[in-house]
Amino acid sequence: MPFLESERLIRREPELADKPFVLITREAGRVFISAASRRAGKLGFPRGMSLVDARAAMPDIPYFDADRAGDLRCLRGLMRMMARFSPRVARAEEGSDLYLDVAGASHLFGGELPMLHRIEKQLESAGFTARLALAGSRTAAWGFAHYGKNRSLVPETGLRAASEGLPVAALRMSEGSTSLCQRLGLKKIGDLLRLPRGALSARIGLSDMTRLDRFMDRAPEARAFARHRERLIETEQFPDPLATGKGVEAALEILLERLCARLAPLQQGIRRARLDIERVDHAEKTFTIRTMHPGLDIPALMRLFTHHFEQLDVGFGIERMTLTAEAVAPLQSGQARLGDSPQKAVDAAVEQLVAELANMFGPAHILKFAPVESHIPERAFRMRPALHPGEAESWPVLRARRPLRLLKKPLPVLEGEPPGFPSRILWNGKSCAVTPLSGPERIEPDWWRDDPLWRSGARDYWWGTTSAGAVLWLYSVTEAGHCRWYLHGMGS
């Protein structure tokens, strides 16, 4: 759709339909034409032309600020409209191109040519001019849509003949390769196809040779078609750059309000969001936050972002801010009960604390214990990021008591004593009297796992207390006829 930007404005202001006008973009102190209406294009106002030159040629030409966010919303609406012809619709990374994968769908509309005619009429009824092409590869379809006829139907068997007269720009090669081909007089794709492959590859390089192969459907290309997905992006361009951190926070709050207002009707909450900040000198800074649960609490999201603003240097001013919801999830809701309000408040406060700490120091540094089904004490748990709880996990109810603190490696405290609970142990270099509390509890090792710490065989665990009141979890093993005692944990 070569006039999408101007025709979108004409839909809003019909009196502009018969007037030449341009859309301008301000960037780094330069004002240039980013799009022109059909009549302005015929008068010779190309993209990239400065506004000063345009007004010198036509002093009274109307001009309007370009709205890239509005153009993206319009493209998303057109993607939904085109979904009636194919469930696999996508848009290009840049520009106003739409791609439809219509394999196996053309017979539903009477054939390929009638389908192209219906797509063109559909877009025309919405007020948009379209150039269409149907080809066996995405690269060829782009080339014929931009440089072929208004409605091109390229048969697979006639691709070479149909592409003979297309300019080499239809291949979208690098600017250097395209300029080289034009200097050598190779202005058409047919001129390239008649050259020996080895000589051509040596001149334009392998990457541009691959583009030619994809155009001719001789090399595979990635299929980026997918069902339509809402792009949750909010952007703000500031005519007067933001010079203080308070101004950045106020602008971020406005972006969050707009983004949350779009998510609320969808019952979606933010799990991961990214803020891109661009300064006047084109320096960029990116901040990313993650939440434990999907939410739309603007003050809570603001707190997560403001933790990062200590690293922000506004320099000569901030001219653009872009907020993107990179990951969203359905909002969680539950039935409120009279007895759980205090506990829910505590849980919410803990989750908010975990989220703030994880965003300050990184999710990998804030961990939590998670249960694992194992009777081996040191294997009955694992550490996982606390910010991503995943599925609800409940700790099993143990019949035997377990220590509050488990040592990473058991410490030897006694050796060579006869079987039975000892009266004294050597702990921290001192001899301590111990009194048994409960035991023994025998734990067998995993027979299928060769664990160096469990090669001594079964362990008999005891609970004991010292004269100072410390509660210890001890075990004994018998090796070569000798009984050895180890300290494995401590309780209360």
Protein backbone atom coordinates (compact mmCIF):
# COMPACT_ATOMS: atom_id res chain seq x y z
CA MET A 1 0.00 0.00 0.00
CA PRO A 2 2.21 2.85 -1.27
CA PHE A 3 -0.02 5.67 0.06
CA LEU A 4 -1.13 4.16 3.36
CA GLU A 5 0.02 7.12 5.51
CA SER A 6 -1.63 9.81 3.36
CA GLU A 7 -4.80 7.80 2.66
CA ARG A 8 -5.25 7.15 6.37
CA LEU A 9 -5.25 10.93 6.88
CA ILE A 10 -7.70 11.38 3.98
CA ARG A 11 -10.10 8.92 5.66
CA ARG A 12 -10.12 11.26 8.67
CA GLU A 13 -10.19 14.52 6.66
CA PRO A 14 -11.91 13.86 3.28
CA GLU A 15 -11.35 17.45 2.08
CA LEU A 16 -7.66 16.53 1.54
CA ALA A 17 -8.49 14.00 -1.18
CA ASP A 18 -8.02 16.50 -4.04
CA LYS A 19 -5.06 18.38 -2.55
CA PRO A 20 -1.33 17.62 -2.64
CA PHE A 21 0.14 17.35 0.85
CA VAL A 22 3.07 15.71 2.61
CA LEU A 23 3.74 14.10 5.98
CA ILE A 24 6.92 15.15 7.78
CA THR A 25 9.20 13.62 10.40
CA ARG A 26 11.49 15.52 12.75
CA GLU A 27 14.74 13.79 13.56
CA ALA A 28 17.97 15.24 14.98
CA GLY A 29 16.96 18.78 14.13
CA ARG A 30 16.15 17.84 10.52
CA VAL A 31 12.62 17.98 9.09
CA PHE A 32 12.01 15.83 6.01
CA ILE A 33 9.18 14.24 4.08
CA SER A 34 8.40 10.70 5.26
CA ALA A 35 5.30 10.22 3.06
CA ALA A 36 3.47 12.09 0.33
CA SER A 37 -0.01 11.90 -1.10
CA ARG A 38 -0.57 10.58 -4.61
CA ARG A 39 -0.95 14.10 -6.07
CA ALA A 40 2.15 15.34 -4.23
CA GLY A 41 4.14 12.36 -5.53
CA LYS A 42 3.18 13.22 -9.10
CA LEU A 43 4.39 16.79 -8.51
CA GLY A 44 7.83 15.50 -7.55
CA PHE A 45 7.97 15.42 -3.74
CA PRO A 46 9.82 12.18 -2.89
CA ARG A 47 10.43 10.64 0.52
CA GLY A 48 13.49 12.02 2.26
CA MET A 49 13.17 15.49 0.70
CA SER A 50 13.66 18.26 3.26
CA LEU A 51 10.67 20.42 4.13
CA VAL A 52 12.66 23.54 3.27
CA ASP A 53 13.18 22.33 -0.31
CA ALA A 54 9.55 21.28 -0.60
CA ARG A 55 8.29 24.69 0.51
CA ALA A 56 10.75 26.38 -1.82
CA ALA A 57 9.18 24.48 -4.72
CA MET A 58 5.58 25.01 -3.47
CA PRO A 59 5.31 27.55 -0.64
CA ASP A 60 1.68 26.76 0.19
CA ILE A 61 1.93 22.95 0.23
CA PRO A 62 0.11 21.58 3.33
CA TYR A 63 2.17 19.41 5.64
CA PHE A 64 1.29 17.31 8.70
CA ASP A 65 3.29 15.45 11.33
CA ALA A 66 3.66 11.73 10.62
CA ASP A 67 2.06 9.37 13.12
CA ARG A 68 3.89 6.05 13.02
CA ALA A 69 1.87 4.67 15.93
CA GLY A 70 -1.35 5.48 14.08
CA ASP A 71 -0.01 3.83 10.93
CA LEU A 72 0.78 0.66 12.90
CA ARG A 73 -2.73 0.59 14.35
CA CYS A 74 -4.12 0.97 10.83
CA LEU A 75 -1.95 -1.91 9.59
CA ARG A 76 -3.17 -4.09 12.45
CA GLY A 77 -6.74 -3.34 11.43
CA LEU A 78 -5.97 -4.24 7.81
CA MET A 79 -4.36 -7.49 8.98
CA ARG A 80 -7.63 -8.43 10.67
CA MET A 81 -9.50 -7.52 7.48
CA MET A 82 -7.19 -9.70 5.36
CA ALA A 83 -7.68 -12.66 7.72
CA ARG A 84 -10.89 -13.45 5.79
CA PHE A 85 -8.71 -14.50 2.84
CA SER A 86 -6.05 -16.44 4.80
CA PRO A 87 -5.50 -17.24 8.48
CA ARG A 88 -1.77 -16.61 7.99
CA VAL A 89 -1.21 -12.87 7.68
CA ALA A 90 1.88 -10.88 8.60
CA ARG A 91 3.29 -7.43 8.03
CA ALA A 92 6.78 -6.37 7.04
CA GLU A 93 9.30 -5.13 9.59
CA GLU A 94 9.29 -1.73 7.88
CA GLY A 95 6.97 -0.02 5.45
CA SER A 96 3.33 -0.74 4.73
CA ASP A 97 3.50 -4.22 3.20
CA LEU A 98 1.22 -7.10 4.14
CA TYR A 99 1.93 -10.76 3.35
CA LEU A 100 -0.69 -13.47 2.98
CA ASP A 101 0.07 -17.16 2.70
CA VAL A 102 -2.80 -18.26 0.44
CA ALA A 103 -1.60 -21.79 -0.33
CA GLY A 104 -4.70 -23.98 -0.66
CA ALA A 105 -7.13 -21.07 -0.21
CA SER A 106 -7.52 -19.56 -3.70
CA HIS A 107 -10.19 -22.07 -4.80
CA LEU A 108 -12.51 -20.69 -2.12
CA PHE A 109 -12.67 -17.41 -4.08
CA GLY A 110 -12.92 -18.80 -7.61
CA GLY A 111 -9.20 -18.95 -8.36
CA GLU A 112 -6.08 -16.86 -7.89
CA LEU A 113 -6.95 -13.95 -10.19
CA PRO A 114 -10.51 -13.50 -8.81
CA MET A 115 -9.05 -13.63 -5.30
CA LEU A 116 -6.57 -10.85 -6.12
CA HIS A 117 -9.43 -8.82 -7.58
CA ARG A 118 -11.50 -9.27 -4.40
CA ILE A 119 -8.59 -8.28 -2.15
CA GLU A 120 -8.03 -5.15 -4.23
CA LYS A 121 -11.71 -4.20 -4.11
CA GLN A 122 -11.84 -4.83 -0.38
CA LEU A 123 -8.93 -2.47 0.28
CA GLU A 124 -10.30 0.07 -2.20
CA SER A 125 -13.64 0.14 -0.38
CA ALA A 126 -11.72 0.95 2.81
CA GLY A 127 -10.00 3.86 1.05
CA PHE A 128 -6.57 2.34 0.40
CA THR A 129 -4.69 1.87 -2.87
CA ALA A 130 -2.90 -1.47 -3.14
CA ARG A 131 -0.42 -3.06 -5.50
CA LEU A 132 -0.76 -6.84 -5.39
CA ALA A 133 1.38 -9.72 -6.54
CA LEU A 134 0.96 -13.47 -6.14
CA ALA A 135 4.12 -15.57 -6.56
CA GLY A 136 5.66 -18.78 -5.30
CA SER A 137 8.08 -17.05 -2.92
CA ARG A 138 7.78 -14.14 -0.57
CA THR A 139 10.79 -12.38 -2.10
CA ALA A 140 9.35 -12.59 -5.63
CA ALA A 141 5.92 -11.39 -4.45
CA TRP A 142 7.54 -8.32 -2.87
CA GLY A 143 9.50 -7.54 -6.04
CA PHE A 144 6.50 -7.79 -8.37
CA ALA A 145 4.25 -5.82 -5.98
CA HIS A 146 6.74 -2.93 -5.86
CA TYR A 147 8.07 -2.94 -9.44
CA GLY A 148 5.57 -4.96 -11.49
CA LYS A 149 2.02 -4.28 -12.56
CA ASN A 150 -0.69 -3.17 -10.15
CA ARG A 151 -2.00 -6.73 -10.06
CA SER A 152 0.63 -9.36 -10.92
CA LEU A 153 -0.06 -13.08 -11.08
CA VAL A 154 3.22 -14.91 -11.57
CA PRO A 155 2.95 -18.61 -12.53
CA GLU A 156 5.64 -20.92 -11.17
CA THR A 157 6.63 -22.11 -14.64
CA GLY A 158 6.85 -18.57 -16.03
CA LEU A 159 8.78 -16.88 -13.22
CA ARG A 160 11.99 -16.42 -15.21
CA ALA A 161 10.22 -14.93 -18.22
CA ALA A 162 8.08 -12.63 -16.04
CA SER A 163 11.07 -11.31 -14.10
CA GLU A 164 13.26 -10.53 -17.13
CA GLY A 165 12.15 -6.92 -17.30
CA LEU A 166 12.10 -6.11 -13.57
CA PRO A 167 14.83 -3.74 -12.28
CA VAL A 168 17.52 -5.20 -10.03
CA ALA A 169 16.09 -3.10 -7.16
CA ALA A 170 13.27 -5.67 -6.99
CA LEU A 171 15.78 -8.13 -5.48
CA ARG A 172 16.37 -5.87 -2.45
CA MET A 173 20.11 -6.48 -2.58
CA SER A 174 22.52 -4.34 -0.58
CA GLU A 175 22.95 -0.76 -1.73
CA GLY A 176 26.53 -1.44 -2.84
CA SER A 177 25.58 -4.43 -5.00
CA THR A 178 22.65 -2.57 -6.57
CA SER A 179 24.86 0.43 -7.44
CA LEU A 180 27.55 -1.87 -8.84
CA CYS A 181 25.08 -3.63 -11.12
CA GLN A 182 23.74 -0.33 -12.44
CA ARG A 183 27.27 0.98 -13.14
CA LEU A 184 28.03 -2.20 -15.07
CA GLY A 185 24.86 -1.82 -17.14
CA LEU A 186 23.09 -4.73 -15.42
CA LYS A 187 19.84 -2.87 -14.83
CA LYS A 188 17.38 -5.75 -15.25
CA ILE A 189 17.07 -9.08 -13.46
CA GLY A 190 17.32 -10.80 -16.83
CA ASP A 191 20.82 -9.32 -17.25
CA LEU A 192 21.91 -11.02 -14.01
CA LEU A 193 20.36 -14.36 -14.94
CA ARG A 194 22.35 -14.51 -18.20
CA LEU A 195 25.70 -14.13 -16.41
CA PRO A 196 27.76 -17.15 -15.23
CA ARG A 197 26.90 -17.90 -11.63
CA GLY A 198 30.50 -17.95 -10.42
CA ALA A 199 31.38 -14.55 -11.88
CA LEU A 200 28.17 -12.97 -10.56
CA SER A 201 28.67 -14.38 -7.08
CA ALA A 202 32.24 -13.04 -6.97
CA ARG A 203 30.95 -9.53 -7.69
CA ILE A 204 27.83 -9.22 -5.53
CA GLY A 205 28.68 -11.64 -2.70
CA LEU A 206 27.00 -14.77 -1.35
CA SER A 207 24.32 -12.98 0.69
CA ASP A 208 22.99 -11.05 -2.32
CA MET A 209 23.32 -14.17 -4.46
CA THR A 210 21.04 -15.89 -1.96
CA ARG A 211 18.48 -13.12 -2.47
CA LEU A 212 18.51 -13.82 -6.19
CA ASP A 213 18.06 -17.54 -5.54
CA ARG A 214 15.13 -16.87 -3.22
CA PHE A 215 13.55 -14.61 -5.81
CA MET A 216 13.82 -17.37 -8.39
CA ASP A 217 12.52 -19.92 -5.83
CA ARG A 218 15.80 -21.85 -5.92
CA ALA A 219 16.57 -21.44 -2.21
CA PRO A 220 14.29 -21.82 0.82
CA GLU A 221 13.30 -18.81 2.88
CA ALA A 222 11.95 -18.52 6.38
CA ARG A 223 8.18 -18.41 6.61
CA ALA A 224 7.34 -15.59 9.00
CA PHE A 225 3.57 -15.81 8.50
CA ALA A 226 1.58 -16.08 11.68
CA ARG A 227 -1.82 -15.27 13.02
CA HIS A 228 -2.40 -11.65 13.94
CA ARG A 229 -1.11 -10.69 17.37
CA GLU A 230 -1.64 -7.31 18.94
CA ARG A 231 1.62 -5.36 19.24
CA LEU A 232 1.43 -3.70 22.62
CA ILE A 233 3.60 -0.64 22.08
CA GLU A 234 3.10 2.95 23.19
CA THR A 235 5.42 5.69 21.93
CA GLU A 236 5.72 9.37 22.81
CA GLN A 237 7.76 11.91 20.83
CA PHE A 238 8.53 15.11 22.72
CA PRO A 239 8.77 18.39 20.73
CA ASP A 240 10.57 19.87 23.75
CA PRO A 241 13.08 17.30 25.11
CA LEU A 242 12.66 16.17 28.71
CA ALA A 243 15.49 17.58 30.77
CA THR A 244 14.79 16.12 34.25
CA GLY A 245 14.16 12.74 35.79
CA LYS A 246 10.77 13.93 37.11
CA GLY A 247 9.68 14.66 33.57
CA VAL A 248 10.71 11.16 32.50
CA GLU A 249 8.68 9.64 35.35
CA ALA A 250 5.61 11.70 34.43
CA ALA A 251 5.88 10.64 30.78
CA LEU A 252 6.32 6.99 31.81
CA GLU A 253 3.16 7.17 33.92
CA ILE A 254 1.20 8.42 30.90
CA LEU A 255 2.57 5.57 28.73
CA LEU A 256 1.67 3.02 31.41
CA GLU A 257 -1.87 4.40 31.66
CA ARG A 258 -2.33 4.11 27.90
CA LEU A 259 -0.87 0.60 27.76
CA CYS A 260 -2.91 -0.66 30.73
CA ALA A 261 -6.05 0.87 29.23
CA ARG A 262 -5.51 -1.31 26.14
CA LEU A 263 -4.86 -4.44 28.21
CA ALA A 264 -7.79 -4.07 30.63
CA PRO A 265 -10.57 -4.96 28.12
CA LEU A 266 -8.52 -8.01 27.07
CA GLN A 267 -8.21 -9.17 30.70
CA GLN A 268 -4.44 -9.32 30.22
CA GLY A 269 -1.73 -8.20 32.63
CA ILE A 270 1.92 -7.26 32.18
CA ARG A 271 4.56 -9.90 32.96
CA ARG A 272 7.53 -8.24 31.25
CA ALA A 273 7.80 -4.68 29.95
CA ARG A 274 10.61 -2.77 28.23
CA LEU A 275 11.18 0.98 28.19
CA ASP A 276 13.37 2.41 25.41
CA ILE A 277 14.62 5.97 25.95
CA GLU A 278 16.31 7.94 23.16
CA ARG A 279 18.21 11.14 23.88
CA VAL A 280 18.65 14.12 21.60
CA ASP A 281 22.19 12.95 20.75
CA HIS A 282 20.73 9.55 19.67
CA ALA A 283 22.13 7.74 22.71
CA GLU A 284 19.72 5.00 23.78
CA LYS A 285 18.98 3.39 27.10
CA THR A 286 16.77 0.36 27.73
CA PHE A 287 15.16 -0.74 31.01
CA THR A 288 13.29 -4.02 31.47
CA ILE A 289 11.06 -5.05 34.36
CA ARG A 290 9.45 -8.37 35.26
CA THR A 291 6.54 -9.09 37.57
CA MET A 292 5.71 -12.19 39.56
CA HIS A 293 2.06 -12.21 38.47
CA PRO A 294 0.39 -10.44 35.53
CA GLY A 295 -0.96 -7.11 36.69
CA LEU A 296 -2.11 -3.62 35.74
CA ASP A 297 -1.18 -1.82 38.97
CA ILE A 298 0.37 1.37 37.61
CA PRO A 299 1.97 2.56 40.91
CA ALA A 300 3.57 -0.88 41.39
CA LEU A 301 4.89 -0.90 37.82
CA MET A 302 6.19 2.64 38.28
CA ARG A 303 8.17 1.58 41.37
CA LEU A 304 9.81 -1.24 39.43
CA PHE A 305 10.90 1.18 36.68
CA THR A 306 12.07 3.97 38.97
CA HIS A 307 14.57 1.61 40.63
CA HIS A 308 16.47 1.72 37.32
CA PHE A 309 16.28 5.48 36.85
CA GLU A 310 19.29 5.98 39.12
CA GLN A 311 21.35 4.85 36.08
CA LEU A 312 19.59 7.31 33.74
CA ASP A 313 21.55 10.27 32.37
CA VAL A 314 19.19 12.60 30.50
CA GLY A 315 22.13 14.41 28.88
CA PHE A 316 20.85 17.21 26.64
CA GLY A 317 17.30 15.89 26.90
CA ILE A 318 15.04 12.91 26.12
CA GLU A 319 13.21 13.19 22.81
CA ARG A 320 11.45 9.81 22.56
CA MET A 321 10.18 7.11 24.91
CA THR A 322 8.75 3.76 23.83
CA LEU A 323 7.02 1.34 26.22
CA THR A 324 6.55 -2.25 25.06
CA ALA A 325 4.69 -5.07 26.80
CA GLU A 326 6.96 -7.95 25.80
CA ALA A 327 5.04 -10.61 27.73
CA VAL A 328 1.45 -10.57 28.93
CA ALA A 329 -0.74 -13.21 30.58
CA PRO A 330 -4.39 -13.50 31.67
CA LEU A 331 -5.19 -11.66 34.87
CA GLN A 332 -5.60 -13.92 37.88
CA SER A 333 -8.79 -13.64 39.90
CA GLY A 334 -10.09 -15.56 42.88
CA GLN A 335 -13.08 -15.66 45.16
CA ALA A 336 -12.56 -13.46 48.22
CA ARG A 337 -13.30 -14.98 51.62
CA LEU A 338 -13.79 -13.31 54.98
CA GLY A 339 -10.96 -15.11 56.72
CA ASP A 340 -8.15 -14.70 54.20
CA SER A 341 -7.92 -10.91 53.84
CA PRO A 342 -4.98 -10.40 56.26
CA GLN A 343 -3.02 -13.30 54.77
CA LYS A 344 -3.64 -12.10 51.23
CA ALA A 345 -2.35 -8.68 52.16
CA VAL A 346 0.82 -10.24 53.58
CA ASP A 347 1.29 -12.41 50.49
CA ALA A 348 0.82 -9.41 48.20
CA ALA A 349 3.41 -7.42 50.16
CA VAL A 350 5.90 -10.29 49.97
CA GLU A 351 5.35 -10.69 46.22
CA GLN A 352 5.86 -6.97 45.68
CA LEU A 353 9.10 -7.11 47.72
CA VAL A 354 10.34 -10.10 45.69
CA ALA A 355 9.52 -8.29 42.44
CA GLU A 356 11.38 -5.15 43.50
CA LEU A 357 14.46 -7.07 44.70
CA ALA A 358 14.52 -9.21 41.54
CA ASN A 359 14.35 -6.14 39.31
CA MET A 360 17.06 -4.39 41.32
CA PHE A 361 19.58 -7.25 41.48
CA GLY A 362 18.40 -9.58 38.70
CA PRO A 363 15.98 -12.53 38.81
CA ALA A 364 18.85 -15.03 39.08
CA HIS A 365 19.91 -13.62 42.46
CA ILE A 366 16.55 -13.85 44.27
CA LEU A 367 15.81 -17.52 44.84
CA LYS A 368 13.28 -19.64 46.71
CA PHE A 369 13.08 -23.23 47.88
CA ALA A 370 10.91 -25.63 45.90
CA PRO A 371 10.03 -29.20 46.93
CA VAL A 372 11.42 -32.26 45.16
CA GLU A 373 10.12 -35.79 45.64
CA SER A 374 13.09 -37.51 47.31
CA HIS A 375 13.71 -39.14 50.66
CA ILE A 376 17.37 -38.03 50.60
CA PRO A 377 17.56 -34.87 52.77
CA GLU A 378 19.84 -32.84 50.49
CA ARG A 379 17.81 -33.83 47.41
CA ALA A 380 14.36 -33.02 48.83
CA PHE A 381 14.50 -29.41 47.61
CA ARG A 382 15.90 -27.23 44.85
CA MET A 383 16.50 -23.53 44.34
CA ARG A 384 14.56 -21.68 41.68
CA PRO A 385 14.00 -17.97 40.79
CA ALA A 386 11.42 -16.52 43.15
CA LEU A 387 10.09 -14.13 40.50
CA HIS A 388 8.65 -16.97 38.39
CA PRO A 389 6.57 -19.15 40.69
CA GLY A 390 5.14 -21.29 37.90
CA GLU A 391 2.62 -23.84 39.08
CA ALA A 392 1.49 -23.90 42.69
CA GLU A 393 3.76 -26.12 44.76
CA SER A 394 3.00 -27.59 48.17
CA TRP A 395 5.51 -29.13 50.51
CA PRO A 396 4.78 -32.74 51.47
CA VAL A 397 3.81 -33.50 55.05
CA LEU A 398 6.78 -35.38 56.53
CA ARG A 399 6.35 -37.97 59.21
CA ALA A 400 9.89 -37.41 60.43
CA ARG A 401 11.33 -34.15 61.66
CA ARG A 402 13.77 -32.26 59.44
CA PRO A 403 16.30 -29.52 60.38
CA LEU A 404 15.76 -25.84 59.67
CA ARG A 405 19.37 -25.51 58.48
CA LEU A 406 20.97 -28.25 56.40
CA LEU A 407 24.73 -28.19 55.94
CA LYS A 408 26.06 -28.39 52.39
CA LYS A 409 28.52 -31.07 53.48
CA PRO A 410 28.22 -33.12 56.71
CA LEU A 411 30.91 -32.35 59.31
CA PRO A 412 32.70 -35.23 61.12
CA VAL A 413 32.26 -34.86 64.90
CA LEU A 414 33.26 -38.28 66.27
CA GLU A 415 35.14 -41.36 65.09
CA GLY A 416 35.90 -44.82 66.48
CA GLU A 417 33.16 -44.92 69.13
CA PRO A 418 31.06 -48.08 69.66
CA PRO A 419 27.50 -48.13 68.27
CA GLY A 420 24.90 -46.15 70.20
CA PHE A 421 24.34 -42.46 70.75
CA PRO A 422 27.58 -40.80 72.00
CA SER A 423 27.72 -38.79 75.21
CA ARG A 424 30.18 -36.24 73.82
CA ILE A 425 31.16 -34.93 70.35
CA LEU A 426 33.92 -32.69 69.04
CA TRP A 427 32.27 -29.64 67.47
CA ASN A 428 34.06 -26.43 66.40
CA GLY A 429 37.23 -27.70 68.08
CA LYS A 430 35.51 -28.14 71.44
CA SER A 431 34.20 -31.19 73.25
CA CYS A 432 30.46 -30.85 73.81
CA ALA A 433 28.13 -33.02 75.85
CA VAL A 434 25.05 -34.14 73.90
CA THR A 435 21.78 -35.66 75.04
CA PRO A 436 19.63 -37.73 72.68
CA LEU A 437 16.15 -36.43 71.90
CA SER A 438 14.84 -38.90 69.31
CA GLY A 439 16.05 -41.54 66.91
CA PRO A 440 17.27 -43.47 65.18
CA GLU A 441 15.77 -42.89 61.69
CA ARG A 442 17.39 -44.99 58.99
CA ILE A 443 17.74 -43.50 55.50
CA GLU A 444 18.96 -45.66 52.62
CA PRO A 445 20.80 -44.17 49.62
CA ASP A 446 19.44 -44.23 46.04
CA TRP A 447 20.63 -47.52 44.59
CA TRP A 448 20.54 -46.16 41.01
CA ARG A 449 22.71 -43.10 41.75
CA ASP A 450 26.45 -43.14 42.53
CA ASP A 451 26.68 -40.33 45.07
CA PRO A 452 30.16 -39.97 46.68
CA LEU A 453 28.60 -38.71 49.92
CA TRP A 454 26.43 -41.81 50.25
CA ARG A 455 28.94 -44.50 49.33
CA SER A 456 29.22 -45.48 53.00
CA GLY A 457 25.69 -46.93 52.84
CA ALA A 458 22.70 -46.44 55.11
CA ARG A 459 22.67 -43.72 57.77
CA ASP A 460 21.05 -43.70 61.22
CA TYR A 461 19.87 -40.19 62.07
CA TRP A 462 19.40 -38.88 65.64
CA TRP A 463 18.23 -35.64 67.15
CA GLY A 464 20.33 -34.40 70.06
CA THR A 465 20.86 -31.28 72.14
CA THR A 466 24.01 -29.82 73.66
CA SER A 467 24.42 -28.34 77.11
CA ALA A 468 24.27 -24.88 75.52
CA GLY A 469 20.82 -25.60 74.05
CA ALA A 470 21.79 -26.15 70.40
CA VAL A 471 19.61 -28.78 68.64
CA LEU A 472 21.67 -30.95 66.28
CA TRP A 473 20.79 -33.48 63.60
CA LEU A 474 23.45 -36.20 63.68
CA TYR A 475 23.91 -39.47 61.86
CA SER A 476 26.22 -42.44 62.17
CA VAL A 477 27.70 -44.77 59.55
CA THR A 478 29.79 -47.88 59.96
CA GLU A 479 32.85 -48.22 57.75
CA ALA A 480 35.39 -51.07 58.11
CA GLY A 481 34.04 -51.89 61.56
CA HIS A 482 34.38 -48.32 62.84
CA CYS A 483 31.42 -46.10 63.73
CA ARG A 484 31.69 -42.49 62.60
CA TRP A 485 29.37 -39.63 63.55
CA TYR A 486 28.58 -36.58 61.41
CA LEU A 487 26.66 -33.36 61.91
CA HIS A 488 24.20 -32.78 59.04
CA GLY A 489 21.87 -30.05 60.26
CA MET A 490 20.54 -27.89 63.07
CA GLY A 491 17.04 -27.22 64.28
CA SER A 492 15.29 -25.29 67.01
